[in-house]
Protein backbone atom coordinates (compact mmCIF):
# COMPACT_ATOMS: atom_id res chain seq x y z
CA UNK A 1 12.81 -18.89 12.41
CA UNK A 2 15.13 -19.81 9.27
CA UNK A 3 14.53 -17.79 6.06
CA UNK A 4 13.03 -20.81 4.23
CA UNK A 5 10.72 -21.82 7.12
CA UNK A 6 9.44 -18.05 7.07
CA UNK A 7 8.81 -18.13 3.44
CA UNK A 8 6.77 -21.55 3.61
CA UNK A 9 4.80 -20.13 6.51
CA UNK A 10 4.10 -16.88 4.65
CA UNK A 11 3.09 -18.52 1.52
CA UNK A 12 0.72 -20.67 3.64
CA UNK A 13 -0.72 -17.48 5.25
CA UNK A 14 -1.29 -16.02 1.69
CA UNK A 15 -3.01 -19.29 0.50
CA UNK A 16 -5.24 -19.33 3.55
CA UNK A 17 -6.07 -15.68 3.30
CA UNK A 18 -7.10 -16.20 -0.23
CA UNK A 19 -9.27 -19.11 0.62
CA UNK A 20 -11.03 -17.21 3.40
CA UNK A 21 -11.76 -14.13 1.22
CA UNK A 22 -13.02 -16.36 -1.47
CA UNK A 23 -15.54 -18.15 1.01
CA UNK A 24 -16.98 -14.76 1.92
CA UNK A 25 -18.66 -14.97 -1.47
CA UNK A 26 -17.75 -11.17 -1.88
CA UNK A 27 -14.62 -11.81 -3.96
CA UNK A 28 -15.09 -12.27 -7.70
CA UNK A 29 -11.65 -13.18 -8.44
CA UNK A 30 -8.41 -13.41 -6.25
CA UNK A 31 -4.71 -14.45 -6.56
CA UNK A 32 -1.55 -14.54 -4.66
CA UNK A 33 2.10 -13.48 -5.29
CA UNK A 34 2.73 -17.03 -6.29
CA UNK A 35 0.29 -17.18 -9.23
CA UNK A 36 2.25 -17.48 -12.34
CA UNK A 37 0.01 -15.20 -14.32
CA UNK A 38 -1.38 -12.54 -11.95
CA UNK A 39 1.45 -12.13 -9.41
CA UNK A 40 2.91 -9.27 -11.63
CA UNK A 41 -0.41 -7.28 -10.69
CA UNK A 42 1.00 -7.21 -7.00
CA UNK A 43 4.53 -6.10 -7.79
CA UNK A 44 5.63 -2.44 -7.82
CA UNK A 45 8.83 -0.35 -7.16
CA UNK A 46 9.91 2.24 -4.72
CA UNK A 47 10.24 5.41 -6.82
CA UNK A 48 13.60 6.69 -5.50
CA UNK A 49 16.66 5.45 -3.68
CA UNK A 50 17.51 1.98 -5.15
CA UNK A 51 14.14 1.67 -6.58
CA UNK A 52 13.87 -1.79 -5.32
CA UNK A 53 10.69 -3.66 -5.75
CA UNK A 54 8.09 -4.26 -3.29
CA UNK A 55 4.83 -6.37 -3.62
CA UNK A 56 1.65 -7.32 -1.87
CA UNK A 57 0.79 -11.00 -0.76
CA UNK A 58 -2.70 -11.26 -2.23
CA UNK A 59 -5.02 -9.27 -4.58
CA UNK A 60 -8.17 -9.52 -6.33
CA UNK A 61 -11.55 -8.12 -7.39
CA UNK A 62 -14.59 -7.65 -4.91
CA UNK A 63 -18.09 -8.43 -5.68
CA UNK A 64 -21.54 -7.27 -4.76
CA UNK A 65 -22.77 -4.12 -2.92
CA UNK A 66 -20.73 -0.94 -2.55
CA UNK A 67 -17.64 -2.55 -3.41
CA UNK A 68 -18.50 -4.36 -6.51
CA UNK A 69 -15.68 -4.39 -9.01
CA UNK A 70 -13.18 -2.74 -6.79
CA UNK A 71 -9.67 -4.18 -6.80
CA UNK A 72 -7.85 -5.00 -3.48
CA UNK A 73 -4.43 -6.00 -2.47
CA UNK A 74 -3.31 -7.33 0.84
CA UNK A 75 -0.52 -8.23 3.28
CA UNK A 76 -0.69 -11.44 5.14
CA UNK A 77 0.98 -12.12 8.46
CA UNK A 78 0.77 -15.74 9.45
CA UNK A 79 2.11 -14.87 12.95
CA UNK A 80 1.61 -16.54 16.31
CA UNK A 81 2.28 -13.31 18.22
CA UNK A 82 2.51 -9.62 17.70
CA UNK A 83 6.18 -10.03 16.82
CA UNK A 84 7.52 -7.15 14.50
CA UNK A 85 4.17 -6.53 12.85
CA UNK A 86 4.37 -2.89 14.07
CA UNK A 87 7.40 -2.30 11.98
CA UNK A 88 6.05 -4.13 8.88
CA UNK A 89 2.84 -2.11 9.21
CA UNK A 90 4.67 1.15 8.96
CA UNK A 91 6.07 -0.01 5.66
CA UNK A 92 2.86 -1.52 4.44
CA UNK A 93 1.07 1.76 4.98
CA UNK A 94 3.97 3.44 2.97
CA UNK A 95 3.27 1.00 0.11
CA UNK A 96 -0.37 1.60 0.43
CA UNK A 97 0.09 5.34 -0.25
CA UNK A 98 2.56 4.86 -3.12
CA UNK A 99 0.13 2.41 -4.82
CA UNK A 100 -2.76 4.68 -4.52
CA UNK A 101 -0.68 7.71 -5.70
CA UNK A 102 0.96 5.99 -8.73
CA UNK A 103 -1.20 2.90 -9.57
CA UNK A 104 -4.74 3.89 -8.19
CA UNK A 105 -6.51 1.69 -10.91
CA UNK A 106 -4.85 -1.41 -9.40
CA UNK A 107 -5.76 -1.00 -5.78
CA UNK A 108 -9.05 0.57 -4.55
CA UNK A 109 -8.68 -1.25 -0.96
CA UNK A 110 -5.64 -2.27 1.17
CA UNK A 111 -6.11 -5.35 3.59
CA UNK A 112 -3.88 -6.16 6.47
CA UNK A 113 -4.74 -9.88 7.22
CA UNK A 114 -3.04 -11.35 10.48
CA UNK A 115 -3.49 -14.19 12.85
CA UNK A 116 -2.50 -12.19 15.66
CA UNK A 117 -3.28 -8.56 16.71
CA UNK A 118 -0.36 -5.98 17.45
CA UNK A 119 -0.02 -2.65 18.80
CA UNK A 120 -3.19 -3.18 20.66
CA UNK A 121 -3.15 0.16 22.69
CA UNK A 122 -3.23 1.88 19.42
CA UNK A 123 -5.56 -0.65 17.64
CA UNK A 124 -8.45 1.95 17.00
CA UNK A 125 -6.21 4.49 15.16
CA UNK A 126 -4.12 1.96 13.02
CA UNK A 127 -6.29 3.16 10.04
CA UNK A 128 -5.99 6.85 10.55
CA UNK A 129 -4.36 9.54 8.46
CA UNK A 130 -1.72 10.04 11.47
CA UNK A 131 -0.64 6.49 11.40
CA UNK A 132 -0.33 6.59 7.66
CA UNK A 133 1.87 9.65 8.04
CA UNK A 134 4.17 7.95 10.75
CA UNK A 135 4.83 5.17 8.21
CA UNK A 136 5.62 7.50 5.27
CA UNK A 137 8.04 9.41 7.62
CA UNK A 138 9.92 6.60 9.05
CA UNK A 139 13.55 7.27 8.14
CA UNK A 140 13.96 4.11 6.11
CA UNK A 141 10.94 5.32 3.94
CA UNK A 142 11.55 9.12 3.50
CA UNK A 143 14.28 8.85 0.86
CA UNK A 144 12.73 6.07 -1.29
CA UNK A 145 9.38 7.67 -1.24
CA UNK A 146 10.25 11.46 -1.32
CA UNK A 147 13.92 11.61 -2.60
CA UNK A 148 15.13 13.52 0.46
CA UNK A 149 16.48 12.68 3.85
CA UNK A 150 14.89 15.67 5.54
CA UNK A 151 11.71 14.88 7.35
CA UNK A 152 10.25 18.27 7.20
CA UNK A 153 10.70 18.48 3.34
CA UNK A 154 9.15 14.99 3.09
CA UNK A 155 6.18 16.11 5.29
CA UNK A 156 5.47 19.06 2.66
CA UNK A 157 5.48 16.42 -0.04
CA UNK A 158 2.71 14.33 1.30
CA UNK A 159 -0.46 14.40 -0.76
CA UNK A 160 -3.03 15.00 1.90
CA UNK A 161 -6.00 14.03 -0.45
CA UNK A 162 -4.23 10.66 -1.18
CA UNK A 163 -3.38 10.29 2.63
CA UNK A 164 -7.05 10.60 3.40
CA UNK A 165 -8.28 8.16 0.57
CA UNK A 166 -5.66 5.53 1.75
CA UNK A 167 -6.70 5.68 5.39
CA UNK A 168 -10.50 5.30 4.45
CA UNK A 169 -9.27 2.30 2.31
CA UNK A 170 -7.47 0.38 5.12
CA UNK A 171 -8.81 -2.83 6.34
CA UNK A 172 -7.64 -4.76 9.38
CA UNK A 173 -8.71 -8.40 9.55
CA UNK A 174 -7.73 -10.88 12.13
CA UNK A 175 -8.28 -14.49 11.33
CA UNK A 176 -8.16 -17.62 13.66
CA UNK A 177 -8.03 -21.25 12.51
CA UNK A 178 -11.61 -21.89 13.74
CA UNK A 179 -12.96 -18.81 12.08
CA UNK A 180 -11.36 -19.96 8.77
CA UNK A 181 -13.43 -23.08 9.14
CA UNK A 182 -16.86 -21.10 10.01
CA UNK A 183 -17.44 -20.16 6.48
CA UNK A 184 -19.69 -21.14 3.64
CA UNK A 185 -19.08 -24.62 2.31
CA UNK A 186 -17.44 -25.18 -1.24
CA UNK A 187 -20.80 -26.82 -2.14
CA UNK A 188 -22.91 -23.98 -1.16
CA UNK A 189 -20.35 -21.59 -2.78
CA UNK A 190 -20.75 -23.38 -5.83
CA UNK A 191 -24.48 -23.05 -5.93
CA UNK A 192 -24.01 -19.24 -5.37
CA UNK A 193 -21.58 -18.99 -8.28
CA UNK A 194 -23.96 -20.95 -10.32
CA UNK A 195 -26.72 -18.59 -9.54
CA UNK A 196 -24.69 -15.55 -10.33
CA UNK A 197 -23.47 -17.08 -13.67
CA UNK A 198 -27.16 -17.77 -14.51
CA UNK A 199 -28.25 -14.18 -13.93
CA UNK A 200 -25.12 -13.00 -15.86
CA UNK A 201 -23.42 -11.41 -12.84
CA UNK A 202 -20.31 -13.24 -13.51
């Protein structure tokens, strides 16, 4: 798929993911990386190597229950098949680790939102510390995270507490076009928001 078409498809996925998240009524506020004001809250930098920027596709604040007031960031993969999601997922968990380590106040939860599952034989372990470690130790990530090219040295630099926190805060969400429609209507969501406003909850 040409680059421009991929960008359009990706932006569409981020907007659809935001719309679905909002429709759960468990999101107080949300934004995408195209938001003119809030996009900067989704942008960070690799600490070493060329120190190039990386970003997330969506972010926001959760509402209600045990997650009330928690910040989240997410990656959206508007894919028709598994494609190269595994490779992107390795980089994503590395980004989650860095963000939790260096900017923990901006991200309590990390959501991978896709329209097609991937690595299905390893699906139940994708949110494990072991998989996060695998992402951190990918050759392309070692230097830009740990400022070394040595795998064993990089392994000693991994903060195990942060590793565990990240693994516990990973979400895997698989959407489908029909599922996107089977949500609360805008009219009913408006009633809920009005009720919350009346009670001073928002």
